Structure formats: structure tokens, C-alpha cells
Amino acid sequence: MGVGSITLLLAVSLASWGIIEMKNRKTPIKPDQIPIRLVTTGPFRFTRNPLYLALLLVLASLAVMGNSLWLAVATASLLLLLDRFVMVREEAVIQRAFGSEYSAYVVRVRRWL
């Protein structure tokens, strides 16, 4: 099993674990919906964005498996777009929803890893 396959397996596992945690806490998974509960368990103990991280890992693994430079560049570009635009907006929404609880979480857990 190659690096790309192992990374893909890890990415799918991470995404599945994150989705299960969110469903167990009965909070929306869709990023355009306001969360009902702040999830800090499961993979959310290690990264505030396990689903985005899993997406990027899937793309990176496909780039490796396909030996695709353009997909690697696209993955890096998506990382920058998510980090600079999408997450900033989402974090503002979550901050308004959970206040000091979210602030404490941000201090404990990094955005990525």
C-alpha cells in the first residue's frame, strides 16, 4: 500500500469520525448552517476543522496516486482559500453562537493541526 492509499484511508477515517461526532451531538454538518452545539470531542480535540482537513487529505492523496502536479497545486490553493476566507467567516459565526466557550476552545485546539 502506497503513501497515497494510506493518506486516503486516513482521510476517509477522519471525515467519518468527524461526521459521527457531529451527528452524535445533533449539530448540522453543512457548513452553511449555524451549529447547535460546539463539538470538541473526537477529532475536534486535535483540529477545529477535521472535515476540511479530510477533504484536503483526499485531494492530496489523489494528487500523489495520480502523480498530478496540477492537482497538488489546486489542493494547496484550496487550503489557502479555506484558511483565509471560508474559515474566517465560519469562525465568526461560531464565535457569535458560543462566545467564551468557543474562545476557550480556540486557545486549546489549533485550526489545522
PDB file of N, CA and C in Angstrom:
ATOM      1  N   MET A   1       0.851  -1.177   0.000  1.00  0.00           N
ATOM      2  CA  MET A   1       0.000   0.000   0.000  1.00  0.00           C
ATOM      3  C   MET A   1       0.893   1.235   0.000  1.00  0.00           C
ATOM      4  N   GLY A   2       0.650   2.151  -0.922  1.00  0.00           N
ATOM      5  CA  GLY A   2       1.479   3.341  -1.055  1.00  0.00           C
ATOM      6  C   GLY A   2       1.040   4.479  -0.153  1.00  0.00           C
ATOM      7  N   VAL A   3       1.841   5.539  -0.176  1.00  0.00           N
ATOM      8  CA  VAL A   3       1.571   6.725   0.645  1.00  0.00           C
ATOM      9  C   VAL A   3       0.209   7.323   0.310  1.00  0.00           C
ATOM     10  N   GLY A   4      -0.103   7.415  -0.971  1.00  0.00           N
ATOM     11  CA  GLY A   4      -1.389   7.975  -1.379  1.00  0.00           C
ATOM     12  C   GLY A   4      -2.562   7.173  -0.851  1.00  0.00           C
ATOM     13  N   SER A   5      -2.464   5.856  -0.923  1.00  0.00           N
ATOM     14  CA  SER A   5      -3.544   4.989  -0.439  1.00  0.00           C
ATOM     15  C   SER A   5      -3.711   5.100   1.069  1.00  0.00           C
ATOM     16  N   ILE A   6      -2.610   5.138   1.775  1.00  0.00           N
ATOM     17  CA  ILE A   6      -2.659   5.261   3.241  1.00  0.00           C
ATOM     18  C   ILE A   6      -3.263   6.608   3.631  1.00  0.00           C
ATOM     19  N   THR A   7      -2.843   7.665   2.939  1.00  0.00           N
ATOM     20  CA  THR A   7      -3.384   9.001   3.215  1.00  0.00           C
ATOM     21  C   THR A   7      -4.876   9.054   2.930  1.00  0.00           C
ATOM     22  N   LEU A   8      -5.296   8.423   1.848  1.00  0.00           N
ATOM     23  CA  LEU A   8      -6.717   8.381   1.511  1.00  0.00           C
ATOM     24  C   LEU A   8      -7.507   7.645   2.586  1.00  0.00           C
ATOM     25  N   LEU A   9      -7.000   6.539   3.047  1.00  0.00           N
ATOM     26  CA  LEU A   9      -7.656   5.787   4.112  1.00  0.00           C
ATOM     27  C   LEU A   9      -7.762   6.619   5.394  1.00  0.00           C
ATOM     28  N   LEU A  10      -6.701   7.317   5.738  1.00  0.00           N
ATOM     29  CA  LEU A  10      -6.724   8.189   6.919  1.00  0.00           C
ATOM     30  C   LEU A  10      -7.732   9.322   6.749  1.00  0.00           C
ATOM     31  N   ALA A  11      -7.792   9.889   5.554  1.00  0.00           N
ATOM     32  CA  ALA A  11      -8.719  10.993   5.289  1.00  0.00           C
ATOM     33  C   ALA A  11     -10.169  10.545   5.428  1.00  0.00           C
ATOM     34  N   VAL A  12     -10.489   9.393   4.861  1.00  0.00           N
ATOM     35  CA  VAL A  12     -11.863   8.876   4.946  1.00  0.00           C
ATOM     36  C   VAL A  12     -12.211   8.557   6.409  1.00  0.00           C
ATOM     37  N   SER A  13     -11.261   8.007   7.127  1.00  0.00           N
ATOM     38  CA  SER A  13     -11.483   7.699   8.551  1.00  0.00           C
ATOM     39  C   SER A  13     -11.710   8.976   9.352  1.00  0.00           C
ATOM     40  N   LEU A  14     -10.904   9.998   9.086  1.00  0.00           N
ATOM     41  CA  LEU A  14     -11.036  11.270   9.791  1.00  0.00           C
ATOM     42  C   LEU A  14     -12.383  11.911   9.503  1.00  0.00           C
ATOM     43  N   ALA A  15     -12.782  11.932   8.240  1.00  0.00           N
ATOM     44  CA  ALA A  15     -14.079  12.519   7.875  1.00  0.00           C
ATOM     45  C   ALA A  15     -15.224  11.751   8.528  1.00  0.00           C
ATOM     46  N   SER A  16     -15.154  10.441   8.479  1.00  0.00           N
ATOM     47  CA  SER A  16     -16.217   9.616   9.079  1.00  0.00           C
ATOM     48  C   SER A  16     -16.321   9.866  10.579  1.00  0.00           C
ATOM     49  N   TRP A  17     -15.173   9.910  11.252  1.00  0.00           N
ATOM     50  CA  TRP A  17     -15.149  10.153  12.696  1.00  0.00           C
ATOM     51  C   TRP A  17     -15.753  11.520  13.011  1.00  0.00           C
ATOM     52  N   GLY A  18     -15.391  12.542  12.234  1.00  0.00           N
ATOM     53  CA  GLY A  18     -15.931  13.885  12.461  1.00  0.00           C
ATOM     54  C   GLY A  18     -17.436  13.946  12.254  1.00  0.00           C
ATOM     55  N   ILE A  19     -17.908  13.305  11.195  1.00  0.00           N
ATOM     56  CA  ILE A  19     -19.346  13.294  10.912  1.00  0.00           C
ATOM     57  C   ILE A  19     -20.105  12.559  12.011  1.00  0.00           C
ATOM     58  N   ILE A  20     -19.587  11.446  12.463  1.00  0.00           N
ATOM     59  CA  ILE A  20     -20.222  10.702  13.556  1.00  0.00           C
ATOM     60  C   ILE A  20     -20.312  11.554  14.812  1.00  0.00           C
ATOM     61  N   GLU A  21     -19.233  12.257  15.153  1.00  0.00           N
ATOM     62  CA  GLU A  21     -19.246  13.115  16.342  1.00  0.00           C
ATOM     63  C   GLU A  21     -20.301  14.211  16.211  1.00  0.00           C
ATOM     64  N   MET A  22     -20.383  14.827  15.042  1.00  0.00           N
ATOM     65  CA  MET A  22     -21.366  15.890  14.837  1.00  0.00           C
ATOM     66  C   MET A  22     -22.792  15.333  14.904  1.00  0.00           C
ATOM     67  N   LYS A  23     -23.013  14.174  14.315  1.00  0.00           N
ATOM     68  CA  LYS A  23     -24.346  13.565  14.377  1.00  0.00           C
ATOM     69  C   LYS A  23     -24.701  13.174  15.811  1.00  0.00           C
ATOM     70  N   ASN A  24     -23.742  12.640  16.550  1.00  0.00           N
ATOM     71  CA  ASN A  24     -23.987  12.277  17.947  1.00  0.00           C
ATOM     72  C   ASN A  24     -24.363  13.493  18.790  1.00  0.00           C
ATOM     73  N   ARG A  25     -23.795  14.638  18.456  1.00  0.00           N
ATOM     74  CA  ARG A  25     -24.091  15.877  19.190  1.00  0.00           C
ATOM     75  C   ARG A  25     -25.287  16.607  18.592  1.00  0.00           C
ATOM     76  N   LYS A  26     -25.860  16.029  17.530  1.00  0.00           N
ATOM     77  CA  LYS A  26     -27.057  16.579  16.885  1.00  0.00           C
ATOM     78  C   LYS A  26     -26.863  18.034  16.440  1.00  0.00           C
ATOM     79  N   THR A  27     -25.752  18.281  15.776  1.00  0.00           N
ATOM     80  CA  THR A  27     -25.483  19.606  15.221  1.00  0.00           C
ATOM     81  C   THR A  27     -25.317  19.469  13.706  1.00  0.00           C
ATOM     82  N   PRO A  28     -25.696  20.492  12.960  1.00  0.00           N
ATOM     83  CA  PRO A  28     -25.633  20.392  11.498  1.00  0.00           C
ATOM     84  C   PRO A  28     -24.210  20.146  10.984  1.00  0.00           C
ATOM     85  N   ILE A  29     -24.125  19.373   9.931  1.00  0.00           N
ATOM     86  CA  ILE A  29     -22.838  19.080   9.302  1.00  0.00           C
ATOM     87  C   ILE A  29     -22.557  20.091   8.191  1.00  0.00           C
ATOM     88  N   LYS A  30     -23.596  20.579   7.546  1.00  0.00           N
ATOM     89  CA  LYS A  30     -23.426  21.522   6.439  1.00  0.00           C
ATOM     90  C   LYS A  30     -22.794  22.821   6.954  1.00  0.00           C
ATOM     91  N   PRO A  31     -21.762  23.292   6.263  1.00  0.00           N
ATOM     92  CA  PRO A  31     -21.063  24.486   6.743  1.00  0.00           C
ATOM     93  C   PRO A  31     -21.878  25.776   6.645  1.00  0.00           C
ATOM     94  N   ASP A  32     -22.959  25.774   5.862  1.00  0.00           N
ATOM     95  CA  ASP A  32     -23.766  26.991   5.739  1.00  0.00           C
ATOM     96  C   ASP A  32     -24.847  27.084   6.819  1.00  0.00           C
ATOM     97  N   GLN A  33     -24.913  26.090   7.701  1.00  0.00           N
ATOM     98  CA  GLN A  33     -25.905  26.108   8.777  1.00  0.00           C
ATOM     99  C   GLN A  33     -25.235  26.486  10.098  1.00  0.00           C
ATOM    100  N   ILE A  34     -25.979  27.180  10.929  1.00  0.00           N
ATOM    101  CA  ILE A  34     -25.455  27.589  12.232  1.00  0.00           C
ATOM    102  C   ILE A  34     -25.438  26.371  13.152  1.00  0.00           C
ATOM    103  N   PRO A  35     -24.294  26.104  13.783  1.00  0.00           N
ATOM    104  CA  PRO A  35     -24.209  24.939  14.666  1.00  0.00           C
ATOM    105  C   PRO A  35     -25.108  25.100  15.893  1.00  0.00           C
ATOM    106  N   ILE A  36     -25.641  23.983  16.341  1.00  0.00           N
ATOM    107  CA  ILE A  36     -26.489  23.967  17.533  1.00  0.00           C
ATOM    108  C   ILE A  36     -25.643  23.740  18.777  1.00  0.00           C
ATOM    109  N   ARG A  37     -24.618  22.898  18.628  1.00  0.00           N
ATOM    110  CA  ARG A  37     -23.714  22.580  19.743  1.00  0.00           C
ATOM    111  C   ARG A  37     -22.278  22.690  19.264  1.00  0.00           C
ATOM    112  N   LEU A  38     -21.418  23.095  20.161  1.00  0.00           N
ATOM    113  CA  LEU A  38     -19.988  23.134  19.869  1.00  0.00           C
ATOM    114  C   LEU A  38     -19.422  21.741  20.089  1.00  0.00           C
ATOM    115  N   VAL A  39     -18.886  21.149  19.043  1.00  0.00           N
ATOM    116  CA  VAL A  39     -18.334  19.800  19.137  1.00  0.00           C
ATOM    117  C   VAL A  39     -16.833  19.902  19.413  1.00  0.00           C
ATOM    118  N   THR A  40     -16.415  19.339  20.537  1.00  0.00           N
ATOM    119  CA  THR A  40     -14.998  19.385  20.925  1.00  0.00           C
ATOM    120  C   THR A  40     -14.461  17.987  21.217  1.00  0.00           C
ATOM    121  N   THR A  41     -15.219  16.984  20.837  1.00  0.00           N
ATOM    122  CA  THR A  41     -14.832  15.595  21.083  1.00  0.00           C
ATOM    123  C   THR A  41     -14.361  14.949  19.789  1.00  0.00           C
ATOM    124  N   GLY A  42     -13.882  13.729  19.898  1.00  0.00           N
ATOM    125  CA  GLY A  42     -13.419  13.015  18.711  1.00  0.00           C
ATOM    126  C   GLY A  42     -12.277  13.758  18.050  1.00  0.00           C
ATOM    127  N   PRO A  43     -12.293  13.871  16.723  1.00  0.00           N
ATOM    128  CA  PRO A  43     -11.187  14.539  16.033  1.00  0.00           C
ATOM    129  C   PRO A  43     -11.141  16.038  16.309  1.00  0.00           C
ATOM    130  N   PHE A  44     -12.246  16.589  16.806  1.00  0.00           N
ATOM    131  CA  PHE A  44     -12.291  18.007  17.135  1.00  0.00           C
ATOM    132  C   PHE A  44     -11.425  18.339  18.350  1.00  0.00           C
ATOM    133  N   ARG A  45     -10.904  17.320  19.019  1.00  0.00           N
ATOM    134  CA  ARG A  45      -9.938  17.543  20.110  1.00  0.00           C
ATOM    135  C   ARG A  45      -8.575  17.923  19.560  1.00  0.00           C
ATOM    136  N   PHE A  46      -8.311  17.574  18.294  1.00  0.00           N
ATOM    137  CA  PHE A  46      -6.992  17.761  17.693  1.00  0.00           C
ATOM    138  C   PHE A  46      -6.951  18.868  16.640  1.00  0.00           C
ATOM    139  N   THR A  47      -8.070  19.084  15.974  1.00  0.00           N
ATOM    140  CA  THR A  47      -8.179  20.109  14.938  1.00  0.00           C
ATOM    141  C   THR A  47      -9.597  20.660  14.956  1.00  0.00           C
ATOM    142  N   ARG A  48      -9.712  21.967  14.754  1.00  0.00           N
ATOM    143  CA  ARG A  48     -11.048  22.560  14.733  1.00  0.00           C
ATOM    144  C   ARG A  48     -11.776  22.266  13.422  1.00  0.00           C
ATOM    145  N   ASN A  49     -11.062  21.747  12.446  1.00  0.00           N
ATOM    146  CA  ASN A  49     -11.645  21.543  11.119  1.00  0.00           C
ATOM    147  C   ASN A  49     -11.318  20.174  10.531  1.00  0.00           C
ATOM    148  N   PRO A  50     -11.718  19.106  11.193  1.00  0.00           N
ATOM    149  CA  PRO A  50     -11.349  17.784  10.682  1.00  0.00           C
ATOM    150  C   PRO A  50     -11.965  17.456   9.327  1.00  0.00           C
ATOM    151  N   LEU A  51     -13.135  18.005   9.029  1.00  0.00           N
ATOM    152  CA  LEU A  51     -13.758  17.677   7.743  1.00  0.00           C
ATOM    153  C   LEU A  51     -13.040  18.379   6.593  1.00  0.00           C
ATOM    154  N   TYR A  52     -12.646  19.619   6.776  1.00  0.00           N
ATOM    155  CA  TYR A  52     -11.858  20.306   5.748  1.00  0.00           C
ATOM    156  C   TYR A  52     -10.485  19.654   5.618  1.00  0.00           C
ATOM    157  N   LEU A  53      -9.896  19.288   6.734  1.00  0.00           N
ATOM    158  CA  LEU A  53      -8.602  18.613   6.703  1.00  0.00           C
ATOM    159  C   LEU A  53      -8.720  17.295   5.935  1.00  0.00           C
ATOM    160  N   ALA A  54      -9.783  16.556   6.175  1.00  0.00           N
ATOM    161  CA  ALA A  54     -10.004  15.297   5.463  1.00  0.00           C
ATOM    162  C   ALA A  54     -10.158  15.540   3.963  1.00  0.00           C
ATOM    163  N   LEU A  55     -10.900  16.571   3.589  1.00  0.00           N
ATOM    164  CA  LEU A  55     -11.062  16.914   2.171  1.00  0.00           C
ATOM    165  C   LEU A  55      -9.704  17.177   1.527  1.00  0.00           C
ATOM    166  N   LEU A  56      -8.890  17.981   2.191  1.00  0.00           N
ATOM    167  CA  LEU A  56      -7.569  18.297   1.645  1.00  0.00           C
ATOM    168  C   LEU A  56      -6.680  17.057   1.563  1.00  0.00           C
ATOM    169  N   LEU A  57      -6.799  16.182   2.549  1.00  0.00           N
ATOM    170  CA  LEU A  57      -6.020  14.941   2.511  1.00  0.00           C
ATOM    171  C   LEU A  57      -6.464  14.024   1.380  1.00  0.00           C
ATOM    172  N   VAL A  58      -7.765  13.992   1.113  1.00  0.00           N
ATOM    173  CA  VAL A  58      -8.264  13.205  -0.025  1.00  0.00           C
ATOM    174  C   VAL A  58      -7.662  13.741  -1.321  1.00  0.00           C
ATOM    175  N   LEU A  59      -7.720  15.046  -1.499  1.00  0.00           N
ATOM    176  CA  LEU A  59      -7.181  15.643  -2.723  1.00  0.00           C
ATOM    177  C   LEU A  59      -5.678  15.427  -2.833  1.00  0.00           C
ATOM    178  N   ALA A  60      -4.972  15.585  -1.721  1.00  0.00           N
ATOM    179  CA  ALA A  60      -3.521  15.367  -1.732  1.00  0.00           C
ATOM    180  C   ALA A  60      -3.194  13.912  -2.068  1.00  0.00           C
ATOM    181  N   SER A  61      -3.953  12.996  -1.509  1.00  0.00           N
ATOM    182  CA  SER A  61      -3.692  11.576  -1.797  1.00  0.00           C
ATOM    183  C   SER A  61      -3.965  11.257  -3.262  1.00  0.00           C
ATOM    184  N   LEU A  62      -5.009  11.859  -3.822  1.00  0.00           N
ATOM    185  CA  LEU A  62      -5.287  11.652  -5.244  1.00  0.00           C
ATOM    186  C   LEU A  62      -4.187  12.253  -6.115  1.00  0.00           C
ATOM    187  N   ALA A  63      -3.654  13.395  -5.686  1.00  0.00           N
ATOM    188  CA  ALA A  63      -2.536  14.006  -6.421  1.00  0.00           C
ATOM    189  C   ALA A  63      -1.317  13.090  -6.407  1.00  0.00           C
ATOM    190  N   VAL A  64      -1.050  12.484  -5.257  1.00  0.00           N
ATOM    191  CA  VAL A  64       0.089  11.572  -5.146  1.00  0.00           C
ATOM    192  C   VAL A  64      -0.159  10.313  -5.978  1.00  0.00           C
ATOM    193  N   MET A  65      -1.326   9.725  -5.820  1.00  0.00           N
ATOM    194  CA  MET A  65      -1.622   8.483  -6.549  1.00  0.00           C
ATOM    195  C   MET A  65      -1.643   8.698  -8.064  1.00  0.00           C
ATOM    196  N   GLY A  66      -2.096   9.879  -8.493  1.00  0.00           N
ATOM    197  CA  GLY A  66      -2.169  10.174  -9.922  1.00  0.00           C
ATOM    198  C   GLY A  66      -0.933  10.879 -10.454  1.00  0.00           C
ATOM    199  N   ASN A  67       0.023  11.107  -9.543  1.00  0.00           N
ATOM    200  CA  ASN A  67       1.251  11.814  -9.924  1.00  0.00           C
ATOM    201  C   ASN A  67       0.908  13.117 -10.652  1.00  0.00           C
ATOM    202  N   SER A  68      -0.016  13.893 -10.035  1.00  0.00           N
ATOM    203  CA  SER A  68      -0.586  15.067 -10.685  1.00  0.00           C
ATOM    204  C   SER A  68      -0.121  16.358  -9.998  1.00  0.00           C
ATOM    205  N   LEU A  69       0.743  17.068 -10.677  1.00  0.00           N
ATOM    206  CA  LEU A  69       1.217  18.342 -10.141  1.00  0.00           C
ATOM    207  C   LEU A  69       0.092  19.361 -10.084  1.00  0.00           C
ATOM    208  N   TRP A  70      -0.760  19.398 -11.120  1.00  0.00           N
ATOM    209  CA  TRP A  70      -1.833  20.389 -11.127  1.00  0.00           C
ATOM    210  C   TRP A  70      -2.805  20.152  -9.978  1.00  0.00           C
ATOM    211  N   LEU A  71      -3.080  18.898  -9.628  1.00  0.00           N
ATOM    212  CA  LEU A  71      -3.978  18.621  -8.508  1.00  0.00           C
ATOM    213  C   LEU A  71      -3.307  18.987  -7.185  1.00  0.00           C
ATOM    214  N   ALA A  72      -2.004  18.800  -7.093  1.00  0.00           N
ATOM    215  CA  ALA A  72      -1.275  19.206  -5.893  1.00  0.00           C
ATOM    216  C   ALA A  72      -1.341  20.729  -5.722  1.00  0.00           C
ATOM    217  N   VAL A  73      -1.169  21.457  -6.807  1.00  0.00           N
ATOM    218  CA  VAL A  73      -1.246  22.922  -6.763  1.00  0.00           C
ATOM    219  C   VAL A  73      -2.673  23.363  -6.424  1.00  0.00           C
ATOM    220  N   ALA A  74      -3.657  22.706  -7.016  1.00  0.00           N
ATOM    221  CA  ALA A  74      -5.058  23.027  -6.722  1.00  0.00           C
ATOM    222  C   ALA A  74      -5.386  22.762  -5.256  1.00  0.00           C
ATOM    223  N   THR A  75      -4.840  21.694  -4.711  1.00  0.00           N
ATOM    224  CA  THR A  75      -5.060  21.364  -3.297  1.00  0.00           C
ATOM    225  C   THR A  75      -4.455  22.432  -2.396  1.00  0.00           C
ATOM    226  N   ALA A  76      -3.240  22.859  -2.714  1.00  0.00           N
ATOM    227  CA  ALA A  76      -2.594  23.924  -1.932  1.00  0.00           C
ATOM    228  C   ALA A  76      -3.383  25.231  -2.048  1.00  0.00           C
ATOM    229  N   SER A  77      -3.908  25.510  -3.234  1.00  0.00           N
ATOM    230  CA  SER A  77      -4.718  26.717  -3.432  1.00  0.00           C
ATOM    231  C   SER A  77      -6.004  26.644  -2.620  1.00  0.00           C
ATOM    232  N   LEU A  78      -6.626  25.478  -2.610  1.00  0.00           N
ATOM    233  CA  LEU A  78      -7.846  25.297  -1.820  1.00  0.00           C
ATOM    234  C   LEU A  78      -7.552  25.489  -0.331  1.00  0.00           C
ATOM    235  N   LEU A  79      -6.438  24.988   0.136  1.00  0.00           N
ATOM    236  CA  LEU A  79      -6.033  25.188   1.533  1.00  0.00           C
ATOM    237  C   LEU A  79      -5.982  26.673   1.855  1.00  0.00           C
ATOM    238  N   LEU A  80      -5.354  27.464   1.001  1.00  0.00           N
ATOM    239  CA  LEU A  80      -5.257  28.904   1.237  1.00  0.00           C
ATOM    240  C   LEU A  80      -6.626  29.569   1.223  1.00  0.00           C
ATOM    241  N   LEU A  81      -7.467  29.194   0.268  1.00  0.00           N
ATOM    242  CA  LEU A  81      -8.809  29.776   0.197  1.00  0.00           C
ATOM    243  C   LEU A  81      -9.640  29.426   1.432  1.00  0.00           C
ATOM    244  N   LEU A  82      -9.589  28.172   1.837  1.00  0.00           N
ATOM    245  CA  LEU A  82     -10.323  27.763   3.041  1.00  0.00           C
ATOM    246  C   LEU A  82      -9.825  28.524   4.265  1.00  0.00           C
ATOM    247  N   ASP A  83      -8.520  28.593   4.409  1.00  0.00           N
ATOM    248  CA  ASP A  83      -7.918  29.213   5.584  1.00  0.00           C
ATOM    249  C   ASP A  83      -8.182  30.717   5.654  1.00  0.00           C
ATOM    250  N   ARG A  84      -8.091  31.402   4.539  1.00  0.00           N
ATOM    251  CA  ARG A  84      -8.192  32.867   4.529  1.00  0.00           C
ATOM    252  C   ARG A  84      -9.618  33.397   4.412  1.00  0.00           C
ATOM    253  N   PHE A  85     -10.501  32.618   3.812  1.00  0.00           N
ATOM    254  CA  PHE A  85     -11.845  33.143   3.562  1.00  0.00           C
ATOM    255  C   PHE A  85     -12.944  32.338   4.238  1.00  0.00           C
ATOM    256  N   VAL A  86     -13.024  31.063   3.957  1.00  0.00           N
ATOM    257  CA  VAL A  86     -14.127  30.245   4.460  1.00  0.00           C
ATOM    258  C   VAL A  86     -14.088  30.133   5.978  1.00  0.00           C
ATOM    259  N   MET A  87     -12.954  29.760   6.520  1.00  0.00           N
ATOM    260  CA  MET A  87     -12.862  29.535   7.966  1.00  0.00           C
ATOM    261  C   MET A  87     -13.014  30.815   8.768  1.00  0.00           C
ATOM    262  N   VAL A  88     -12.549  31.915   8.227  1.00  0.00           N
ATOM    263  CA  VAL A  88     -12.701  33.196   8.927  1.00  0.00           C
ATOM    264  C   VAL A  88     -14.186  33.501   9.119  1.00  0.00           C
ATOM    265  N   ARG A  89     -14.972  33.298   8.073  1.00  0.00           N
ATOM    266  CA  ARG A  89     -16.418  33.541   8.168  1.00  0.00           C
ATOM    267  C   ARG A  89     -17.082  32.549   9.119  1.00  0.00           C
ATOM    268  N   GLU A  90     -16.739  31.273   8.969  1.00  0.00           N
ATOM    269  CA  GLU A  90     -17.343  30.251   9.824  1.00  0.00           C
ATOM    270  C   GLU A  90     -16.978  30.463  11.291  1.00  0.00           C
ATOM    271  N   GLU A  91     -15.739  30.814  11.553  1.00  0.00           N
ATOM    272  CA  GLU A  91     -15.315  31.029  12.943  1.00  0.00           C
ATOM    273  C   GLU A  91     -16.038  32.221  13.571  1.00  0.00           C
ATOM    274  N   ALA A  92     -16.329  33.251  12.773  1.00  0.00           N
ATOM    275  CA  ALA A  92     -17.083  34.390  13.294  1.00  0.00           C
ATOM    276  C   ALA A  92     -18.500  33.968  13.687  1.00  0.00           C
ATOM    277  N   VAL A  93     -19.122  33.125  12.866  1.00  0.00           N
ATOM    278  CA  VAL A  93     -20.469  32.614  13.163  1.00  0.00           C
ATOM    279  C   VAL A  93     -20.444  31.781  14.446  1.00  0.00           C
ATOM    280  N   ILE A  94     -19.461  30.899  14.550  1.00  0.00           N
ATOM    281  CA  ILE A  94     -19.361  30.039  15.735  1.00  0.00           C
ATOM    282  C   ILE A  94     -19.057  30.865  16.977  1.00  0.00           C
ATOM    283  N   GLN A  95     -18.220  31.885  16.830  1.00  0.00           N
ATOM    284  CA  GLN A  95     -17.897  32.757  17.965  1.00  0.00           C
ATOM    285  C   GLN A  95     -19.162  33.446  18.486  1.00  0.00           C
ATOM    286  N   ARG A  96     -19.978  33.950  17.564  1.00  0.00           N
ATOM    287  CA  ARG A  96     -21.232  34.598  17.978  1.00  0.00           C
ATOM    288  C   ARG A  96     -22.177  33.595  18.658  1.00  0.00           C
ATOM    289  N   ALA A  97     -22.182  32.366  18.177  1.00  0.00           N
ATOM    290  CA  ALA A  97     -23.098  31.354  18.719  1.00  0.00           C
ATOM    291  C   ALA A  97     -22.663  30.859  20.097  1.00  0.00           C
ATOM    292  N   PHE A  98     -21.342  30.738  20.331  1.00  0.00           N
ATOM    293  CA  PHE A  98     -20.876  30.077  21.556  1.00  0.00           C
ATOM    294  C   PHE A  98     -20.006  30.936  22.461  1.00  0.00           C
ATOM    295  N   GLY A  99     -19.657  32.134  22.040  1.00  0.00           N
ATOM    296  CA  GLY A  99     -18.949  33.090  22.884  1.00  0.00           C
ATOM    297  C   GLY A  99     -17.685  32.565  23.538  1.00  0.00           C
ATOM    298  N   SER A 100     -17.651  32.706  24.866  1.00  0.00           N
ATOM    299  CA  SER A 100     -16.433  32.354  25.608  1.00  0.00           C
ATOM    300  C   SER A 100     -16.108  30.864  25.546  1.00  0.00           C
ATOM    301  N   GLU A 101     -17.113  30.016  25.374  1.00  0.00           N
ATOM    302  CA  GLU A 101     -16.854  28.581  25.235  1.00  0.00           C
ATOM    303  C   GLU A 101     -16.009  28.323  23.981  1.00  0.00           C
ATOM    304  N   TYR A 102     -16.362  29.004  22.886  1.00  0.00           N
ATOM    305  CA  TYR A 102     -15.587  28.848  21.654  1.00  0.00           C
ATOM    306  C   TYR A 102     -14.208  29.490  21.794  1.00  0.00           C
ATOM    307  N   SER A 103     -14.140  30.636  22.444  1.00  0.00           N
ATOM    308  CA  SER A 103     -12.845  31.305  22.655  1.00  0.00           C
ATOM    309  C   SER A 103     -11.876  30.398  23.397  1.00  0.00           C
ATOM    310  N   ALA A 104     -12.354  29.715  24.409  1.00  0.00           N
ATOM    311  CA  ALA A 104     -11.507  28.787  25.170  1.00  0.00           C
ATOM    312  C   ALA A 104     -11.081  27.613  24.297  1.00  0.00           C
ATOM    313  N   TYR A 105     -11.969  27.155  23.455  1.00  0.00           N
ATOM    314  CA  TYR A 105     -11.667  26.046  22.536  1.00  0.00           C
ATOM    315  C   TYR A 105     -10.572  26.458  21.540  1.00  0.00           C
ATOM    316  N   VAL A 106     -10.671  27.673  21.023  1.00  0.00           N
ATOM    317  CA  VAL A 106      -9.684  28.179  20.065  1.00  0.00           C
ATOM    318  C   VAL A 106      -8.292  28.231  20.690  1.00  0.00           C
ATOM    319  N   VAL A 107      -8.231  28.554  21.957  1.00  0.00           N
ATOM    320  CA  VAL A 107      -6.946  28.605  22.654  1.00  0.00           C
ATOM    321  C   VAL A 107      -6.359  27.197  22.787  1.00  0.00           C
ATOM    322  N   ARG A 108      -7.200  26.202  23.005  1.00  0.00           N
ATOM    323  CA  ARG A 108      -6.748  24.821  23.220  1.00  0.00           C
ATOM    324  C   ARG A 108      -6.435  24.055  21.941  1.00  0.00           C
ATOM    325  N   VAL A 109      -7.205  24.316  20.873  1.00  0.00           N
ATOM    326  CA  VAL A 109      -7.138  23.477  19.670  1.00  0.00           C
ATOM    327  C   VAL A 109      -6.803  24.345  18.451  1.00  0.00           C
ATOM    328  N   ARG A 110      -5.846  23.893  17.686  1.00  0.00           N
ATOM    329  CA  ARG A 110      -5.417  24.628  16.506  1.00  0.00           C
ATOM    330  C   ARG A 110      -6.425  24.507  15.367  1.00  0.00           C
ATOM    331  N   ARG A 111      -6.355  25.464  14.452  1.00  0.00           N
ATOM    332  CA  ARG A 111      -7.252  25.453  13.292  1.00  0.00           C
ATOM    333  C   ARG A 111      -7.034  24.213  12.442  1.00  0.00           C
ATOM    334  N   TRP A 112      -5.786  23.858  12.217  1.00  0.00           N
ATOM    335  CA  TRP A 112      -5.473  22.710  11.375  1.00  0.00           C
ATOM    336  C   TRP A 112      -4.960  21.550  12.225  1.00  0.00           C
ATOM    337  N   LEU A 113      -3.726  21.575  12.605  1.00  0.00           N
ATOM    338  CA  LEU A 113      -3.149  20.502  13.445  1.00  0.00           C
ATOM    339  C   LEU A 113      -2.184  21.081  14.439  1.00  0.00           C
TER     340      LEU A 113
END
